[in-house]
C-alpha cells in the first residue's frame, strides 16, 4: 500500500518547488538529498528542469519523517 502525502499523486510528476512545498523543506535541503542520492530527479526531453515522481516524493517523506 502506498501512503498518500497530501496533494501528491503517486503517479504524478512534480517540479522541485512543488516537492519543497509538499515536504516543507527548502531548495538547499532538496539539493542535499539529491547530492546524497536519496532522491533522483528525472528529465523530460528538451527540458533542463528536474522532475520528481510522486512515488519518489512519498518515499523521501518516509525516510525524512
N, C-alpha and C. Protein backbone atom coordinates (compact mmCIF):
# COMPACT_ATOMS: atom_id res chain seq x y z
N UNK A 1 0.85 -1.19 0.00
CA UNK A 1 0.00 0.00 0.00
C UNK A 1 0.88 1.24 0.00
N UNK A 2 0.55 2.21 -0.81
CA UNK A 2 1.31 3.46 -0.89
C UNK A 2 0.60 4.50 -0.05
N UNK A 3 1.31 5.04 0.94
CA UNK A 3 0.73 6.10 1.77
C UNK A 3 0.59 7.35 0.92
N UNK A 4 -0.50 8.06 1.11
CA UNK A 4 -0.74 9.25 0.32
C UNK A 4 -0.30 10.48 1.11
N UNK A 5 0.59 11.23 0.53
CA UNK A 5 1.04 12.50 1.09
C UNK A 5 0.09 13.54 0.50
N UNK A 6 -0.47 14.40 1.32
CA UNK A 6 -1.48 15.33 0.85
C UNK A 6 -1.03 16.11 -0.39
N UNK A 7 -1.81 16.03 -1.43
CA UNK A 7 -1.54 16.75 -2.66
C UNK A 7 -0.59 16.06 -3.61
N UNK A 8 -0.06 14.89 -3.25
CA UNK A 8 0.90 14.19 -4.09
C UNK A 8 0.25 12.91 -4.62
N UNK A 9 0.13 12.83 -5.93
CA UNK A 9 -0.38 11.64 -6.59
C UNK A 9 0.81 10.73 -6.88
N UNK A 10 0.80 9.48 -6.42
CA UNK A 10 1.93 8.58 -6.67
C UNK A 10 2.29 8.45 -8.14
N UNK A 11 1.33 8.64 -9.04
CA UNK A 11 1.59 8.53 -10.47
C UNK A 11 1.93 9.88 -11.10
N UNK A 12 1.96 10.95 -10.29
CA UNK A 12 2.20 12.29 -10.81
C UNK A 12 3.68 12.61 -10.98
N UNK A 13 3.94 13.75 -11.60
CA UNK A 13 5.29 14.26 -11.82
C UNK A 13 5.31 15.69 -11.30
N UNK A 14 6.35 16.03 -10.51
CA UNK A 14 6.39 17.30 -9.81
C UNK A 14 7.72 18.02 -9.98
N UNK A 15 7.68 19.35 -9.91
CA UNK A 15 8.88 20.16 -10.00
C UNK A 15 9.55 20.25 -8.63
N UNK A 16 10.75 20.78 -8.60
CA UNK A 16 11.48 20.95 -7.34
C UNK A 16 10.69 21.80 -6.36
N UNK A 17 10.11 22.89 -6.85
CA UNK A 17 9.34 23.78 -5.98
C UNK A 17 8.14 23.08 -5.36
N UNK A 18 7.46 22.27 -6.15
CA UNK A 18 6.31 21.53 -5.64
C UNK A 18 6.74 20.52 -4.59
N UNK A 19 7.88 19.87 -4.80
CA UNK A 19 8.40 18.91 -3.83
C UNK A 19 8.70 19.62 -2.51
N UNK A 20 9.38 20.76 -2.60
CA UNK A 20 9.74 21.50 -1.40
C UNK A 20 8.51 21.94 -0.62
N UNK A 21 7.49 22.44 -1.31
CA UNK A 21 6.26 22.86 -0.63
C UNK A 21 5.56 21.67 0.02
N UNK A 22 5.49 20.55 -0.68
CA UNK A 22 4.79 19.37 -0.15
C UNK A 22 5.47 18.83 1.10
N UNK A 23 6.82 18.88 1.12
CA UNK A 23 7.57 18.32 2.24
C UNK A 23 7.93 19.35 3.29
N UNK A 24 7.72 20.61 2.99
CA UNK A 24 8.07 21.66 3.94
C UNK A 24 9.57 21.82 4.11
N UNK A 25 10.31 21.68 3.02
CA UNK A 25 11.76 21.81 3.05
C UNK A 25 12.19 22.90 2.07
N UNK A 26 13.42 23.35 2.19
CA UNK A 26 13.96 24.34 1.28
C UNK A 26 14.64 23.70 0.09
N UNK A 27 14.92 24.52 -0.91
CA UNK A 27 15.57 24.04 -2.11
C UNK A 27 16.96 23.49 -1.79
N UNK A 28 17.67 24.14 -0.85
CA UNK A 28 19.01 23.67 -0.47
C UNK A 28 18.95 22.28 0.15
N UNK A 29 17.92 22.03 0.94
CA UNK A 29 17.76 20.71 1.55
C UNK A 29 17.47 19.66 0.48
N UNK A 30 16.61 19.99 -0.46
CA UNK A 30 16.32 19.06 -1.56
C UNK A 30 17.60 18.79 -2.35
N UNK A 31 18.41 19.81 -2.56
CA UNK A 31 19.68 19.63 -3.28
C UNK A 31 20.62 18.70 -2.52
N UNK A 32 20.65 18.81 -1.20
CA UNK A 32 21.49 17.90 -0.39
C UNK A 32 21.00 16.46 -0.52
N UNK A 33 19.69 16.26 -0.46
CA UNK A 33 19.15 14.91 -0.63
C UNK A 33 19.49 14.36 -2.00
N UNK A 34 19.43 15.22 -3.02
CA UNK A 34 19.76 14.81 -4.38
C UNK A 34 21.25 14.46 -4.47
N UNK A 35 22.12 15.27 -3.86
CA UNK A 35 23.57 15.01 -3.88
C UNK A 35 23.93 13.72 -3.17
N UNK A 36 23.18 13.38 -2.12
CA UNK A 36 23.43 12.15 -1.37
C UNK A 36 22.79 10.93 -2.03
N UNK A 37 22.03 11.14 -3.08
CA UNK A 37 21.40 10.03 -3.79
C UNK A 37 20.12 9.53 -3.15
N UNK A 38 19.58 10.29 -2.22
CA UNK A 38 18.35 9.88 -1.54
C UNK A 38 17.15 10.00 -2.48
N UNK A 39 17.18 10.99 -3.36
CA UNK A 39 16.14 11.16 -4.36
C UNK A 39 16.84 11.52 -5.68
N UNK A 40 16.35 10.95 -6.76
CA UNK A 40 16.96 11.17 -8.06
C UNK A 40 15.92 11.77 -9.01
N UNK A 41 16.20 12.95 -9.54
CA UNK A 41 15.24 13.55 -10.46
C UNK A 41 15.30 12.93 -11.84
N UNK A 42 14.22 13.08 -12.56
CA UNK A 42 14.19 12.69 -13.95
C UNK A 42 14.19 13.95 -14.80
N UNK A 43 14.30 13.78 -16.09
CA UNK A 43 14.29 14.92 -17.01
C UNK A 43 13.36 14.61 -18.17
N UNK A 44 12.70 15.62 -18.64
CA UNK A 44 11.88 15.47 -19.83
C UNK A 44 12.71 15.86 -21.03
N UNK A 45 12.53 15.19 -22.14
CA UNK A 45 13.29 15.54 -23.35
C UNK A 45 13.12 17.01 -23.70
N UNK A 46 14.23 17.68 -23.97
CA UNK A 46 14.19 19.08 -24.35
C UNK A 46 14.07 20.06 -23.20
N UNK A 47 14.12 19.57 -21.98
CA UNK A 47 13.98 20.44 -20.81
C UNK A 47 15.19 20.27 -19.89
N UNK A 48 15.60 21.37 -19.27
CA UNK A 48 16.70 21.29 -18.31
C UNK A 48 16.18 21.23 -16.88
N UNK A 49 14.88 21.26 -16.70
CA UNK A 49 14.28 21.23 -15.37
C UNK A 49 14.28 19.81 -14.80
N UNK A 50 14.47 19.72 -13.49
CA UNK A 50 14.35 18.44 -12.78
C UNK A 50 12.88 18.17 -12.48
N UNK A 51 12.49 16.93 -12.61
CA UNK A 51 11.14 16.50 -12.24
C UNK A 51 11.25 15.28 -11.34
N UNK A 52 10.32 15.15 -10.42
CA UNK A 52 10.33 14.06 -9.45
C UNK A 52 9.01 13.32 -9.51
N UNK A 53 9.07 12.01 -9.40
CA UNK A 53 7.84 11.22 -9.43
C UNK A 53 7.16 11.29 -8.06
N UNK A 54 5.86 11.14 -8.08
CA UNK A 54 5.10 11.13 -6.83
C UNK A 54 5.56 10.02 -5.90
N UNK A 55 5.88 8.87 -6.46
CA UNK A 55 6.36 7.74 -5.64
C UNK A 55 7.68 8.07 -4.95
N UNK A 56 8.58 8.76 -5.67
CA UNK A 56 9.85 9.16 -5.07
C UNK A 56 9.65 10.16 -3.94
N UNK A 57 8.71 11.07 -4.12
CA UNK A 57 8.43 12.07 -3.08
C UNK A 57 7.87 11.39 -1.83
N UNK A 58 6.96 10.46 -2.02
CA UNK A 58 6.38 9.74 -0.88
C UNK A 58 7.46 8.93 -0.17
N UNK A 59 8.35 8.29 -0.94
CA UNK A 59 9.46 7.53 -0.35
C UNK A 59 10.38 8.45 0.44
N UNK A 60 10.70 9.62 -0.11
CA UNK A 60 11.55 10.58 0.60
C UNK A 60 10.88 11.03 1.89
N UNK A 61 9.60 11.25 1.85
CA UNK A 61 8.84 11.65 3.06
C UNK A 61 8.97 10.59 4.14
N UNK A 62 8.87 9.33 3.75
CA UNK A 62 9.01 8.23 4.73
C UNK A 62 10.41 8.19 5.34
N UNK A 63 11.42 8.47 4.53
CA UNK A 63 12.81 8.45 5.01
C UNK A 63 13.06 9.61 5.97
N UNK A 64 12.62 10.80 5.59
CA UNK A 64 12.91 12.02 6.36
C UNK A 64 12.07 12.13 7.61
N UNK A 65 10.80 11.74 7.51
CA UNK A 65 9.90 11.92 8.65
C UNK A 65 9.56 10.58 9.23
